[in-house]
N, C-alpha and C. Protein backbone atom coordinates (compact mmCIF):
# COMPACT_ATOMS: atom_id res chain seq x y z
N MET A 1 50.32 13.52 -44.02
CA MET A 1 50.53 12.29 -43.60
C MET A 1 49.24 11.85 -44.89
N ALA A 2 48.24 12.77 -45.51
CA ALA A 2 47.46 12.40 -46.68
C ALA A 2 48.39 12.03 -47.44
N TYR A 3 49.39 12.80 -48.19
CA TYR A 3 50.12 12.65 -48.97
C TYR A 3 50.58 11.12 -49.44
N ASP A 4 50.81 11.29 -47.82
CA ASP A 4 51.65 9.51 -47.71
C ASP A 4 50.68 8.72 -47.69
N ARG A 5 49.43 8.70 -47.40
CA ARG A 5 48.43 7.51 -47.49
C ARG A 5 48.10 7.80 -49.35
N TYR A 6 47.97 8.49 -49.91
CA TYR A 6 47.60 8.88 -51.31
C TYR A 6 48.70 7.82 -51.61
N ASN A 7 49.93 8.17 -51.90
CA ASN A 7 51.14 7.54 -52.34
C ASN A 7 50.83 5.71 -52.21
N ALA A 8 50.64 5.26 -50.65
CA ALA A 8 50.93 3.87 -50.48
C ALA A 8 49.67 3.48 -50.95
N ILE A 9 48.21 4.42 -51.61
CA ILE A 9 47.47 3.46 -51.87
C ILE A 9 47.21 3.82 -53.30
N CYS A 10 47.81 4.79 -54.10
CA CYS A 10 47.24 5.22 -55.26
C CYS A 10 48.45 4.81 -56.45
N ARG A 11 49.78 4.80 -55.66
CA ARG A 11 51.07 4.59 -56.66
C ARG A 11 51.82 3.33 -55.53
N PRO A 12 51.70 2.42 -55.39
CA PRO A 12 51.94 1.22 -54.12
C PRO A 12 53.73 1.08 -54.87
N LEU A 13 53.39 0.94 -55.88
CA LEU A 13 55.18 -0.07 -56.39
C LEU A 13 55.85 1.41 -56.49
N HIS A 14 55.65 2.69 -56.80
CA HIS A 14 56.45 3.71 -56.25
C HIS A 14 56.72 4.86 -55.00
N TYR A 15 56.21 3.82 -54.39
CA TYR A 15 55.65 4.10 -52.92
C TYR A 15 57.36 4.75 -52.40
N GLY A 16 58.35 3.27 -52.34
CA GLY A 16 59.52 3.94 -52.08
C GLY A 16 60.29 4.79 -52.54
N THR A 17 60.40 5.19 -53.66
CA THR A 17 60.54 6.18 -54.56
C THR A 17 60.31 7.32 -54.26
N ILE A 18 58.99 7.43 -54.14
CA ILE A 18 58.40 8.99 -54.07
C ILE A 18 58.63 9.56 -52.62
N MET A 19 58.24 8.49 -51.61
CA MET A 19 58.59 8.82 -50.42
C MET A 19 60.03 8.56 -49.63
N GLY A 20 60.91 9.12 -50.28
CA GLY A 20 62.23 8.62 -49.74
C GLY A 20 62.49 9.92 -48.89
N SER A 21 63.58 9.85 -48.03
CA SER A 21 63.97 10.91 -46.97
C SER A 21 63.67 12.15 -47.53
N ARG A 22 64.58 12.57 -48.76
CA ARG A 22 64.04 13.87 -49.20
C ARG A 22 62.92 14.31 -49.42
N ALA A 23 62.07 13.48 -49.89
CA ALA A 23 60.60 14.25 -49.68
C ALA A 23 59.99 14.03 -47.98
N CYS A 24 60.06 13.64 -47.36
CA CYS A 24 59.86 13.07 -46.23
C CYS A 24 60.59 14.62 -45.31
N VAL A 25 62.08 15.07 -45.42
CA VAL A 25 62.33 16.28 -45.07
C VAL A 25 61.81 17.43 -45.67
N LYS A 26 61.42 17.93 -46.82
CA LYS A 26 60.88 18.47 -47.30
C LYS A 26 59.53 18.86 -46.74
N MET A 27 58.28 17.89 -46.56
CA MET A 27 57.45 18.01 -45.78
C MET A 27 57.28 18.47 -44.71
N ALA A 28 58.40 17.80 -43.70
CA ALA A 28 58.32 17.95 -42.23
C ALA A 28 58.53 19.41 -42.09
N THR A 29 59.95 20.40 -43.01
CA THR A 29 60.12 21.41 -42.97
C THR A 29 58.95 22.29 -43.36
N ALA A 30 58.61 21.84 -44.14
CA ALA A 30 56.85 22.97 -44.64
C ALA A 30 56.03 22.90 -43.50
N ALA A 31 55.65 21.98 -42.78
CA ALA A 31 54.84 21.74 -41.63
C ALA A 31 55.01 22.41 -40.40
N TRP A 32 56.97 22.69 -39.97
CA TRP A 32 57.40 22.86 -39.15
C TRP A 32 57.50 24.53 -39.16
N ALA A 33 57.75 25.09 -40.51
CA ALA A 33 57.83 26.35 -40.73
C ALA A 33 56.45 26.96 -40.58
N SER A 34 55.53 26.41 -41.25
CA SER A 34 54.08 26.72 -41.10
C SER A 34 53.55 27.01 -39.69
N GLY A 35 53.54 25.82 -39.03
CA GLY A 35 53.33 26.05 -37.66
C GLY A 35 54.10 26.97 -36.70
N PHE A 36 55.67 27.09 -37.08
CA PHE A 36 56.53 28.33 -36.30
C PHE A 36 55.69 29.57 -36.74
N LEU A 37 55.46 29.89 -37.86
CA LEU A 37 54.71 31.07 -38.51
C LEU A 37 53.68 31.58 -37.85
N ASN A 38 52.69 30.43 -37.64
CA ASN A 38 51.56 30.84 -36.82
C ASN A 38 51.63 31.02 -35.52
N ALA A 39 52.75 30.19 -34.85
CA ALA A 39 52.73 30.64 -33.76
C ALA A 39 53.34 32.06 -33.29
N LEU A 40 54.45 32.17 -34.15
CA LEU A 40 54.81 33.94 -34.21
C LEU A 40 54.05 34.57 -34.20
N LEU A 41 53.37 34.87 -34.88
CA LEU A 41 52.18 35.51 -35.18
C LEU A 41 51.34 35.87 -33.82
N HIS A 42 50.70 34.74 -33.15
CA HIS A 42 49.63 34.37 -32.28
C HIS A 42 50.58 35.10 -31.30
N THR A 43 52.00 34.58 -31.09
CA THR A 43 52.76 34.89 -29.73
C THR A 43 52.87 36.59 -29.60
N ALA A 44 53.27 36.91 -30.64
CA ALA A 44 53.42 38.61 -30.75
C ALA A 44 52.24 39.43 -30.64
N ASN A 45 51.25 38.80 -31.02
CA ASN A 45 49.78 39.18 -31.14
C ASN A 45 49.38 39.23 -29.66
N THR A 46 49.69 38.41 -28.69
CA THR A 46 49.35 38.18 -27.68
C THR A 46 50.15 39.02 -26.49
N PHE A 47 51.36 38.65 -26.56
CA PHE A 47 52.10 39.83 -25.88
C PHE A 47 51.87 41.44 -26.08
N SER A 48 51.26 42.08 -26.90
CA SER A 48 50.97 43.37 -27.50
C SER A 48 49.49 43.63 -26.50
N ILE A 49 48.79 42.64 -26.29
CA ILE A 49 47.58 43.29 -25.60
C ILE A 49 47.86 43.25 -24.22
N PRO A 50 46.99 44.52 -23.56
CA PRO A 50 47.13 44.84 -22.34
C PRO A 50 46.16 43.99 -21.71
N LEU A 51 46.88 43.36 -20.02
CA LEU A 51 45.57 42.46 -19.55
C LEU A 51 45.10 43.74 -18.36
N CYS A 52 44.08 43.58 -17.83
CA CYS A 52 43.44 44.38 -16.88
C CYS A 52 42.60 43.41 -16.11
N GLN A 53 42.22 42.09 -16.27
CA GLN A 53 41.12 41.37 -15.44
C GLN A 53 42.32 40.03 -14.75
N GLY A 54 43.29 40.46 -14.41
CA GLY A 54 44.58 40.09 -13.89
C GLY A 54 45.18 38.49 -15.11
N ASN A 55 45.92 37.63 -14.47
CA ASN A 55 46.35 36.89 -15.34
C ASN A 55 46.44 35.35 -15.57
N THR A 56 44.79 34.95 -14.84
CA THR A 56 44.81 33.52 -14.56
C THR A 56 43.54 33.37 -15.61
N VAL A 57 44.03 32.03 -16.10
CA VAL A 57 43.63 31.38 -17.16
C VAL A 57 42.64 29.90 -17.06
N ASP A 58 41.27 29.99 -17.08
CA ASP A 58 40.40 29.12 -16.86
C ASP A 58 40.69 27.94 -18.00
N GLN A 59 41.86 27.50 -17.94
CA GLN A 59 42.24 26.35 -19.08
C GLN A 59 43.45 25.82 -18.51
N PHE A 60 44.13 24.37 -19.21
CA PHE A 60 45.36 23.94 -19.02
C PHE A 60 46.04 24.82 -19.44
N PHE A 61 45.80 25.52 -20.56
CA PHE A 61 47.23 26.52 -20.58
C PHE A 61 46.56 27.59 -21.96
N CYS A 62 47.24 28.42 -21.96
CA CYS A 62 46.93 29.55 -22.48
C CYS A 62 46.09 29.52 -23.73
N GLU A 63 45.10 29.60 -24.33
CA GLU A 63 44.71 29.48 -25.17
C GLU A 63 43.94 31.18 -25.80
N ILE A 64 43.95 31.39 -26.78
CA ILE A 64 43.83 32.97 -27.41
C ILE A 64 42.56 33.25 -27.02
N PRO A 65 41.65 32.37 -27.35
CA PRO A 65 40.05 33.32 -26.93
C PRO A 65 39.86 33.44 -25.44
N GLN A 66 40.64 32.79 -24.35
CA GLN A 66 40.86 32.62 -22.87
C GLN A 66 41.35 34.34 -22.51
N ILE A 67 42.73 34.41 -23.30
CA ILE A 67 43.46 35.19 -22.93
C ILE A 67 42.68 36.81 -23.52
N LEU A 68 41.81 36.75 -24.47
CA LEU A 68 41.15 37.68 -25.35
C LEU A 68 40.18 38.15 -23.86
N LYS A 69 39.59 37.00 -23.47
CA LYS A 69 38.98 37.44 -22.29
C LYS A 69 39.11 38.48 -21.33
N LEU A 70 40.92 38.49 -20.73
CA LEU A 70 41.67 39.06 -20.16
C LEU A 70 41.84 40.51 -20.23
N SER A 71 41.72 40.83 -21.78
CA SER A 71 42.18 42.04 -22.24
C SER A 71 41.44 43.51 -22.06
N CYS A 72 42.28 44.38 -21.79
CA CYS A 72 41.50 45.62 -21.53
C CYS A 72 41.05 46.21 -22.97
N SER A 73 41.64 46.20 -23.49
CA SER A 73 41.22 46.78 -24.95
C SER A 73 40.52 45.90 -25.85
N ASP A 74 39.96 46.95 -27.01
CA ASP A 74 39.01 46.00 -27.86
C ASP A 74 40.21 45.40 -28.66
N SER A 75 40.93 44.28 -28.85
CA SER A 75 41.64 43.77 -29.43
C SER A 75 41.11 42.65 -30.57
N TYR A 76 40.19 42.41 -30.63
CA TYR A 76 39.18 41.44 -31.41
C TYR A 76 39.45 41.88 -33.16
N LEU A 77 39.89 42.98 -33.17
CA LEU A 77 40.24 43.21 -34.62
C LEU A 77 41.36 43.00 -34.79
N ARG A 78 42.35 43.36 -34.45
CA ARG A 78 43.78 42.61 -34.10
C ARG A 78 43.90 41.23 -34.46
N GLU A 79 43.34 40.27 -33.46
CA GLU A 79 42.96 39.24 -33.26
C GLU A 79 42.66 38.62 -34.76
N ALA A 80 41.43 39.20 -35.15
CA ALA A 80 41.00 38.70 -36.15
C ALA A 80 42.11 38.60 -37.77
N GLY A 81 42.85 39.63 -37.64
CA GLY A 81 43.74 39.70 -38.64
C GLY A 81 44.56 38.25 -38.53
N VAL A 82 44.87 38.22 -37.41
CA VAL A 82 46.07 36.94 -37.00
C VAL A 82 45.20 35.79 -37.47
N ILE A 83 43.70 35.53 -37.22
CA ILE A 83 42.93 34.45 -37.45
C ILE A 83 42.63 34.32 -39.05
N VAL A 84 42.73 35.60 -39.64
CA VAL A 84 42.51 35.27 -40.89
C VAL A 84 44.22 34.74 -41.65
N VAL A 85 44.85 34.86 -41.19
CA VAL A 85 46.38 34.57 -41.68
C VAL A 85 46.61 32.83 -41.30
N SER A 86 45.63 32.42 -39.91
CA SER A 86 45.66 31.23 -39.52
C SER A 86 44.86 30.47 -40.47
N THR A 87 43.78 31.09 -41.03
CA THR A 87 42.82 30.07 -41.32
C THR A 87 43.00 29.99 -42.79
N CYS A 88 44.00 30.86 -43.45
CA CYS A 88 44.44 30.69 -44.91
C CYS A 88 45.61 29.60 -44.57
N LEU A 89 46.06 29.33 -44.00
CA LEU A 89 47.59 28.29 -43.71
C LEU A 89 46.43 27.01 -43.40
N ALA A 90 45.72 26.89 -42.80
CA ALA A 90 44.69 26.08 -42.48
C ALA A 90 43.84 25.67 -43.74
N PHE A 91 43.19 26.47 -44.28
CA PHE A 91 42.80 26.17 -45.46
C PHE A 91 43.52 25.76 -46.49
N GLY A 92 44.52 26.21 -46.72
CA GLY A 92 45.55 25.16 -48.01
C GLY A 92 45.99 24.17 -47.30
N CYS A 93 46.10 23.90 -45.82
CA CYS A 93 46.12 22.11 -45.62
C CYS A 93 44.83 21.53 -45.99
N PHE A 94 43.75 22.08 -45.37
CA PHE A 94 42.58 21.68 -45.71
C PHE A 94 42.14 20.94 -47.12
N VAL A 95 42.50 21.95 -48.03
CA VAL A 95 42.14 21.54 -49.66
C VAL A 95 43.12 20.49 -50.00
N PHE A 96 44.44 20.67 -49.57
CA PHE A 96 45.32 19.50 -49.75
C PHE A 96 44.92 18.31 -49.62
N ILE A 97 44.51 17.97 -48.14
CA ILE A 97 43.59 16.47 -47.65
C ILE A 97 42.58 16.09 -48.29
N VAL A 98 42.13 17.17 -48.49
CA VAL A 98 40.74 16.89 -49.33
C VAL A 98 40.97 16.24 -50.89
N VAL A 99 41.64 16.94 -51.70
CA VAL A 99 41.89 16.46 -52.85
C VAL A 99 42.81 15.38 -52.76
N SER A 100 43.93 15.30 -51.71
CA SER A 100 44.15 13.60 -52.10
C SER A 100 43.55 12.53 -51.77
N TYR A 101 42.33 13.21 -50.62
CA TYR A 101 41.18 11.84 -50.45
C TYR A 101 40.41 11.56 -50.99
N VAL A 102 40.14 12.67 -52.15
CA VAL A 102 39.43 12.23 -53.17
C VAL A 102 40.10 11.38 -54.33
N GLN A 103 40.98 11.70 -54.54
CA GLN A 103 41.92 11.08 -55.07
C GLN A 103 42.02 9.42 -54.58
N ILE A 104 42.30 9.26 -53.35
CA ILE A 104 42.26 7.83 -52.73
C ILE A 104 41.11 7.09 -52.52
N PHE A 105 39.87 7.79 -52.51
CA PHE A 105 38.73 7.01 -52.34
C PHE A 105 38.61 6.67 -53.64
N THR A 106 38.43 7.50 -55.22
CA THR A 106 38.33 7.20 -56.41
C THR A 106 39.44 5.85 -57.17
N ALA A 107 40.74 5.82 -56.45
CA ALA A 107 41.23 4.54 -56.58
C ALA A 107 40.87 3.36 -55.71
N VAL A 108 40.58 3.61 -54.77
CA VAL A 108 39.83 2.91 -53.43
C VAL A 108 38.88 1.67 -54.29
N LEU A 109 37.70 2.78 -54.68
CA LEU A 109 37.03 2.31 -55.16
C LEU A 109 37.03 1.55 -56.64
N ARG A 110 37.80 1.37 -57.19
CA ARG A 110 38.24 1.03 -58.35
C ARG A 110 38.57 -0.47 -58.19
N ILE A 111 39.20 -0.69 -56.95
CA ILE A 111 39.76 -1.84 -56.42
C ILE A 111 38.71 -2.82 -56.46
N PRO A 112 39.23 -4.16 -57.36
CA PRO A 112 38.24 -4.97 -57.69
C PRO A 112 37.70 -6.18 -56.60
N SER A 113 38.34 -5.93 -55.49
CA SER A 113 38.62 -7.37 -54.16
C SER A 113 37.98 -6.54 -52.88
N GLU A 114 36.72 -6.75 -52.71
CA GLU A 114 36.08 -6.47 -51.37
C GLU A 114 37.05 -6.36 -50.27
N GLN A 115 38.37 -7.34 -49.64
CA GLN A 115 39.24 -7.34 -48.84
C GLN A 115 40.03 -5.87 -49.35
N GLY A 116 40.52 -6.05 -50.96
CA GLY A 116 41.55 -5.09 -51.04
C GLY A 116 41.00 -3.36 -50.38
N ARG A 117 39.47 -3.58 -50.78
CA ARG A 117 39.12 -2.12 -50.67
C ARG A 117 39.19 -2.08 -48.98
N HIS A 118 38.61 -2.66 -48.43
CA HIS A 118 38.47 -2.80 -47.08
C HIS A 118 40.30 -2.57 -46.06
N LYS A 119 41.13 -3.04 -46.80
CA LYS A 119 42.48 -2.69 -46.21
C LYS A 119 42.96 -1.48 -46.88
N ALA A 120 42.72 -1.13 -47.76
CA ALA A 120 43.04 0.36 -48.45
C ALA A 120 42.20 1.43 -47.11
N PHE A 121 40.74 1.24 -47.05
CA PHE A 121 39.89 2.18 -46.17
C PHE A 121 40.37 2.03 -44.83
N SER A 122 40.90 0.70 -44.37
CA SER A 122 41.32 0.93 -42.88
C SER A 122 42.70 1.66 -43.18
N THR A 123 43.58 1.77 -43.66
CA THR A 123 44.64 2.57 -43.70
C THR A 123 44.65 4.01 -43.35
N CYS A 124 43.35 4.49 -44.37
CA CYS A 124 43.08 5.96 -44.66
C CYS A 124 42.26 6.72 -43.35
N LEU A 125 41.07 5.62 -43.24
CA LEU A 125 40.31 6.18 -42.36
C LEU A 125 40.26 6.79 -40.82
N PRO A 126 41.54 6.12 -40.33
CA PRO A 126 41.76 6.64 -38.88
C PRO A 126 42.48 7.95 -39.00
N HIS A 127 43.36 8.57 -39.98
CA HIS A 127 43.98 9.43 -40.29
C HIS A 127 42.75 10.82 -40.12
N LEU A 128 41.65 10.33 -41.48
CA LEU A 128 41.06 10.84 -41.85
C LEU A 128 39.85 11.44 -40.50
N ALA A 129 39.50 10.49 -39.38
CA ALA A 129 38.92 10.32 -38.50
C ALA A 129 39.40 11.61 -37.31
N VAL A 130 41.05 11.48 -37.11
CA VAL A 130 41.52 12.38 -36.34
C VAL A 130 41.22 13.91 -37.04
N VAL A 131 41.79 14.07 -38.35
CA VAL A 131 41.84 15.23 -38.87
C VAL A 131 40.01 16.10 -38.75
N SER A 132 39.78 15.01 -39.06
CA SER A 132 37.92 15.51 -38.93
C SER A 132 37.49 16.33 -37.55
N LEU A 133 38.18 15.34 -36.48
CA LEU A 133 38.24 15.92 -34.81
C LEU A 133 38.94 17.00 -34.81
N PHE A 134 40.14 17.29 -35.35
CA PHE A 134 40.96 18.14 -34.88
C PHE A 134 40.26 19.70 -35.75
N VAL A 135 39.71 19.55 -36.91
CA VAL A 135 39.25 20.68 -37.55
C VAL A 135 38.10 20.99 -36.97
N SER A 136 37.04 20.52 -36.78
CA SER A 136 36.10 20.63 -36.33
C SER A 136 35.89 20.99 -34.40
N THR A 137 36.81 20.71 -33.67
CA THR A 137 36.94 21.14 -32.42
C THR A 137 37.69 22.71 -32.53
N GLY A 138 38.50 22.98 -33.28
CA GLY A 138 39.56 23.73 -33.66
C GLY A 138 38.28 25.01 -34.35
N ILE A 139 37.42 24.84 -35.35
CA ILE A 139 36.61 25.48 -35.50
C ILE A 139 35.54 26.01 -34.46
N PHE A 140 35.19 25.09 -33.69
CA PHE A 140 34.28 25.31 -32.47
C PHE A 140 35.45 26.32 -31.66
N ALA A 141 36.16 25.89 -31.42
CA ALA A 141 36.88 26.74 -30.49
C ALA A 141 36.99 28.06 -30.71
N TYR A 142 37.71 28.42 -31.67
CA TYR A 142 38.35 29.82 -32.48
C TYR A 142 37.01 30.88 -32.99
N LEU A 143 36.32 30.21 -33.66
CA LEU A 143 35.38 30.65 -34.51
C LEU A 143 33.55 31.04 -33.95
N LYS A 144 33.49 30.48 -32.41
CA LYS A 144 32.36 30.66 -32.14
C LYS A 144 32.30 32.37 -31.50
N PRO A 145 31.05 32.91 -30.98
CA PRO A 145 31.32 34.25 -30.51
C PRO A 145 31.44 33.86 -29.02
N PRO A 146 32.05 35.36 -28.52
CA PRO A 146 32.65 34.88 -26.96
C PRO A 146 31.39 35.00 -26.22
N SER A 147 30.70 35.10 -26.28
CA SER A 147 29.51 35.51 -25.89
C SER A 147 28.57 34.22 -25.26
N ILE A 148 28.78 33.32 -26.03
CA ILE A 148 28.75 31.82 -25.92
C ILE A 148 29.27 30.84 -25.14
N SER A 149 30.40 31.89 -24.55
CA SER A 149 31.36 30.95 -24.00
C SER A 149 31.55 30.94 -22.48
N SER A 150 31.89 29.22 -22.31
CA SER A 150 31.45 29.02 -21.16
C SER A 150 32.79 28.34 -20.43
N PRO A 151 33.23 27.88 -19.35
CA PRO A 151 34.42 27.21 -18.86
C PRO A 151 34.43 25.73 -19.44
N ALA A 152 33.54 25.30 -18.88
CA ALA A 152 33.34 23.43 -18.95
C ALA A 152 33.52 23.30 -20.42
N PRO A 153 32.61 23.40 -21.38
CA PRO A 153 32.94 23.23 -22.72
C PRO A 153 33.99 23.46 -23.35
N ASP A 154 34.94 24.88 -22.92
CA ASP A 154 36.26 25.11 -23.61
C ASP A 154 37.34 24.27 -23.46
N LEU A 155 36.70 23.54 -22.07
CA LEU A 155 38.16 23.02 -21.55
C LEU A 155 38.09 21.65 -22.40
N VAL A 156 36.56 21.42 -22.72
CA VAL A 156 36.63 19.85 -23.21
C VAL A 156 37.20 19.85 -24.81
N VAL A 157 37.16 20.94 -25.30
CA VAL A 157 37.25 20.95 -26.71
C VAL A 157 38.79 21.55 -26.52
N ALA A 158 39.51 22.26 -26.05
CA ALA A 158 40.63 22.44 -25.91
C ALA A 158 41.50 21.09 -25.76
N VAL A 159 40.98 20.14 -25.03
CA VAL A 159 41.50 18.84 -24.83
C VAL A 159 41.34 18.10 -26.02
N LEU A 160 39.96 17.96 -26.68
CA LEU A 160 40.19 16.95 -27.87
C LEU A 160 40.73 17.71 -28.99
N TYR A 161 41.20 18.89 -29.01
CA TYR A 161 41.79 19.12 -30.36
C TYR A 161 43.56 19.26 -30.02
N SER A 162 43.95 19.50 -29.06
CA SER A 162 44.74 19.42 -28.86
C SER A 162 45.82 18.10 -27.91
N VAL A 163 45.32 17.67 -27.43
CA VAL A 163 45.63 16.32 -26.82
C VAL A 163 45.21 14.71 -27.82
N VAL A 164 44.39 14.78 -27.98
CA VAL A 164 44.11 13.62 -28.56
C VAL A 164 44.40 13.46 -30.28
N PRO A 165 44.52 14.17 -30.76
CA PRO A 165 45.28 13.88 -32.31
C PRO A 165 46.58 13.62 -32.04
N PRO A 166 47.56 14.01 -31.72
CA PRO A 166 48.69 13.57 -31.47
C PRO A 166 48.92 12.09 -30.77
N MET A 167 48.13 11.76 -30.29
CA MET A 167 47.97 10.46 -29.49
C MET A 167 47.66 9.47 -30.83
N ASP A 168 47.03 10.11 -32.06
CA ASP A 168 47.23 9.00 -33.22
C ASP A 168 48.17 8.00 -33.57
N ARG A 169 47.90 6.96 -32.85
CA ARG A 169 49.21 5.91 -33.12
C ARG A 169 49.19 5.55 -34.76
N ASN A 170 47.95 5.49 -35.39
CA ASN A 170 47.86 5.43 -36.95
C ASN A 170 48.64 6.22 -37.52
N GLY A 171 49.26 7.55 -37.08
CA GLY A 171 49.68 8.60 -37.67
C GLY A 171 51.26 7.99 -37.72
N LEU A 172 51.71 7.37 -37.29
CA LEU A 172 52.65 6.77 -37.05
C LEU A 172 53.06 5.62 -37.93
N GLY A 173 51.95 5.33 -39.13
CA GLY A 173 51.90 4.45 -39.96
C GLY A 173 52.54 4.14 -41.24
N SER A 174 53.16 5.13 -41.87
CA SER A 174 53.89 5.01 -42.86
C SER A 174 54.99 3.75 -43.05
N GLU A 175 55.66 3.89 -41.86
CA GLU A 175 56.63 2.30 -41.35
C GLU A 175 55.69 1.20 -41.95
N MET A 176 54.52 0.83 -41.39
CA MET A 176 53.68 -0.25 -41.86
C MET A 176 53.20 -0.14 -42.93
N ASP A 177 52.64 0.87 -44.02
CA ASP A 177 52.48 1.03 -45.41
C ASP A 177 53.68 0.61 -46.37
N ALA A 178 55.18 1.01 -45.84
CA ALA A 178 56.22 0.60 -46.41
C ALA A 178 56.18 -1.19 -46.43
N MET A 179 55.71 -1.74 -45.17
CA MET A 179 56.24 -3.03 -44.79
C MET A 179 55.09 -3.76 -46.23
N ARG A 180 53.98 -2.94 -46.04
CA ARG A 180 52.71 -3.71 -47.00
C ARG A 180 53.36 -3.72 -48.51
N VAL A 181 53.77 -2.65 -48.73
CA VAL A 181 54.09 -1.87 -50.03
C VAL A 181 55.36 -3.17 -50.66
N GLN A 182 56.18 -3.71 -50.00
CA GLN A 182 57.51 -4.31 -50.30
C GLN A 182 57.24 -5.56 -50.81
N PRO A 183 56.26 -6.87 -50.48
CA PRO A 183 56.02 -7.38 -51.13
C PRO A 183 55.17 -7.50 -52.46
N GLN A 184 54.64 -6.29 -52.77
CA GLN A 184 53.98 -5.80 -53.94
C GLN A 184 55.14 -5.59 -54.96
N GLN A 185 56.23 -5.03 -54.48
CA GLN A 185 57.44 -4.40 -55.26
C GLN A 185 58.04 -6.02 -55.67
N LYS A 186 58.43 -6.50 -54.78
CA LYS A 186 59.08 -7.85 -54.79
C LYS A 186 58.30 -8.55 -55.83
N ALA A 187 57.10 -8.94 -56.15
CA ALA A 187 56.40 -9.93 -56.67
C ALA A 187 56.25 -8.96 -58.25
N PHE A 188 56.18 -7.55 -58.55
CA PHE A 188 56.62 -6.99 -59.69
C PHE A 188 57.76 -6.94 -60.11
N LYS A 189 58.74 -7.26 -59.31
CA LYS A 189 60.01 -7.70 -60.24
C LYS A 189 60.62 -8.67 -60.37
N GLU A 190 59.86 -10.11 -60.00
CA GLU A 190 59.96 -10.99 -60.35
C GLU A 190 58.98 -11.06 -61.66
């Protein structure tokens, strides 16, 4: 999404060429592959943990910190290894997003008209807000010590990082960006 915004704002005349179907397929494949790898590691680790406190989880769905609370063994060391791999994947994505947005904001601040800057910021700020919400609540959920855990805040945090970001309607805005760029491309050709 950050790469899409970057191309829509920083390279509007080349947007259609750069963000073709081949690029979209590559990005979707990379996202699905990294998500599948992450889920596979967590699932394999979760199924290898012996449970001794029953199998009732105080969440809407099975969250890893909640499952670790039910574990008989001290499985935090094993889970720490999986979290390190997940953190590396997430950090790579985070760096890519930050670099993209630094370039976007640099390009936007060079736009001479205030209306143009406002339009460009309105294109990317909703995505940035959703990413910030997802990252901050995910960090809170997974990196806080289990001793300060309580069911009600954990439930709210789980909803915030798992339900709200997928509901982002602006995440589907690449079609809107393409419609905004088409008049610019026509004017350039004339």
